[in-house]
Amino acid sequence: MVEIDISSDLEAVTEQIQKGVEELQELDGKRHQLAQQIQNLNGIAMYLRGKEPPQESEDTEVLEGTNKES
């Protein structure tokens, strides 16, 4: 019968758990940073959209062109 070294197996599993937790924390930190960057870029995009000059719609231009010909 094969003997199992419980203490070394437990130590190996505990080490894998710790590595998994560290990797998860690192990925969560990166996710948080990326979410913050996206939120900041959305804010900048909204600001820049507000600074754009208003554009007339194509419908208005078509109507004006029709009235000039009449």
C-alpha atoms as a PDB file:
ATOM      1  CA  MET A   1       0.000   0.000   0.000  1.00  0.00           C
ATOM      2  CA  VAL A   2       1.231   3.491  -0.876  1.00  0.00           C
ATOM      3  CA  GLU A   3       1.856   5.737   2.066  1.00  0.00           C
ATOM      4  CA  ILE A   4       0.574   9.293   1.893  1.00  0.00           C
ATOM      5  CA  ASP A   5       2.565  12.067   3.501  1.00  0.00           C
ATOM      6  CA  ILE A   6      -0.315  14.195   4.724  1.00  0.00           C
ATOM      7  CA  SER A   7       1.813  17.015   6.109  1.00  0.00           C
ATOM      8  CA  SER A   8       3.765  17.560   2.862  1.00  0.00           C
ATOM      9  CA  ASP A   9       0.575  17.288   0.764  1.00  0.00           C
ATOM     10  CA  LEU A  10      -1.147  19.803   3.021  1.00  0.00           C
ATOM     11  CA  GLU A  11       1.857  22.112   2.762  1.00  0.00           C
ATOM     12  CA  ALA A  12       1.833  21.864  -1.061  1.00  0.00           C
ATOM     13  CA  VAL A  13      -1.910  22.540  -1.259  1.00  0.00           C
ATOM     14  CA  THR A  14      -1.628  25.488   1.150  1.00  0.00           C
ATOM     15  CA  GLU A  15       1.170  26.943  -0.974  1.00  0.00           C
ATOM     16  CA  GLN A  16      -0.979  26.641  -4.116  1.00  0.00           C
ATOM     17  CA  ILE A  17      -3.860  28.334  -2.326  1.00  0.00           C
ATOM     18  CA  GLN A  18      -1.619  31.222  -1.299  1.00  0.00           C
ATOM     19  CA  LYS A  19      -0.323  31.621  -4.865  1.00  0.00           C
ATOM     20  CA  GLY A  20      -3.887  31.565  -6.175  1.00  0.00           C
ATOM     21  CA  VAL A  21      -4.991  34.228  -3.691  1.00  0.00           C
ATOM     22  CA  GLU A  22      -2.014  36.443  -4.589  1.00  0.00           C
ATOM     23  CA  GLU A  23      -2.739  36.081  -8.304  1.00  0.00           C
ATOM     24  CA  LEU A  24      -6.409  36.858  -7.743  1.00  0.00           C
ATOM     25  CA  GLN A  25      -5.542  39.985  -5.753  1.00  0.00           C
ATOM     26  CA  GLU A  26      -3.157  41.121  -8.499  1.00  0.00           C
ATOM     27  CA  LEU A  27      -5.768  40.579 -11.202  1.00  0.00           C
ATOM     28  CA  ASP A  28      -8.424  42.339  -9.125  1.00  0.00           C
ATOM     29  CA  GLY A  29      -6.096  45.315  -8.705  1.00  0.00           C
ATOM     30  CA  LYS A  30      -5.519  45.445 -12.459  1.00  0.00           C
ATOM     31  CA  ARG A  31      -9.274  45.155 -13.073  1.00  0.00           C
ATOM     32  CA  HIS A  32      -9.901  48.035 -10.692  1.00  0.00           C
ATOM     33  CA  GLN A  33      -7.261  50.188 -12.421  1.00  0.00           C
ATOM     34  CA  LEU A  34      -8.696  49.405 -15.845  1.00  0.00           C
ATOM     35  CA  ALA A  35     -12.232  50.221 -14.699  1.00  0.00           C
ATOM     36  CA  GLN A  36     -10.971  53.541 -13.315  1.00  0.00           C
ATOM     37  CA  GLN A  37      -9.183  54.362 -16.585  1.00  0.00           C
ATOM     38  CA  ILE A  38     -12.328  53.598 -18.578  1.00  0.00           C
ATOM     39  CA  GLN A  39     -14.388  55.789 -16.261  1.00  0.00           C
ATOM     40  CA  ASN A  40     -11.879  58.640 -16.611  1.00  0.00           C
ATOM     41  CA  LEU A  41     -11.823  58.311 -20.406  1.00  0.00           C
ATOM     42  CA  ASN A  42     -15.635  58.325 -20.510  1.00  0.00           C
ATOM     43  CA  GLY A  43     -15.600  61.563 -18.511  1.00  0.00           C
ATOM     44  CA  ILE A  44     -13.089  63.130 -20.884  1.00  0.00           C
ATOM     45  CA  ALA A  45     -15.126  62.003 -23.901  1.00  0.00           C
ATOM     46  CA  MET A  46     -18.284  63.549 -22.439  1.00  0.00           C
ATOM     47  CA  TYR A  47     -16.427  66.820 -21.778  1.00  0.00           C
ATOM     48  CA  LEU A  48     -15.050  66.912 -25.314  1.00  0.00           C
ATOM     49  CA  ARG A  49     -18.465  66.126 -26.813  1.00  0.00           C
ATOM     50  CA  GLY A  50     -19.832  69.107 -24.902  1.00  0.00           C
ATOM     51  CA  LYS A  51     -17.144  71.359 -26.414  1.00  0.00           C
ATOM     52  CA  GLU A  52     -17.908  70.345 -30.012  1.00  0.00           C
ATOM     53  CA  PRO A  53     -19.747  72.963 -32.053  1.00  0.00           C
ATOM     54  CA  PRO A  54     -23.351  72.000 -32.683  1.00  0.00           C
ATOM     55  CA  GLN A  55     -23.821  70.294 -36.035  1.00  0.00           C
ATOM     56  CA  GLU A  56     -26.927  70.792 -38.102  1.00  0.00           C
ATOM     57  CA  SER A  57     -28.732  67.628 -39.011  1.00  0.00           C
ATOM     58  CA  GLU A  58     -28.969  66.541 -42.653  1.00  0.00           C
ATOM     59  CA  ASP A  59     -32.742  66.964 -42.498  1.00  0.00           C
ATOM     60  CA  THR A  60     -32.388  70.701 -41.800  1.00  0.00           C
ATOM     61  CA  GLU A  61     -29.946  71.151 -44.689  1.00  0.00           C
ATOM     62  CA  VAL A  62     -32.268  69.316 -47.081  1.00  0.00           C
ATOM     63  CA  LEU A  63     -35.223  71.470 -46.056  1.00  0.00           C
ATOM     64  CA  GLU A  64     -33.236  74.685 -46.481  1.00  0.00           C
ATOM     65  CA  GLY A  65     -32.069  73.582 -49.919  1.00  0.00           C
ATOM     66  CA  THR A  66     -35.657  72.831 -50.958  1.00  0.00           C
ATOM     67  CA  ASN A  67     -36.893  76.260 -49.817  1.00  0.00           C
ATOM     68  CA  LYS A  68     -34.195  78.110 -51.805  1.00  0.00           C
ATOM     69  CA  GLU A  69     -35.218  76.398 -55.043  1.00  0.00           C
ATOM     70  CA  SER A  70     -38.896  77.334 -54.685  1.00  0.00           C
END
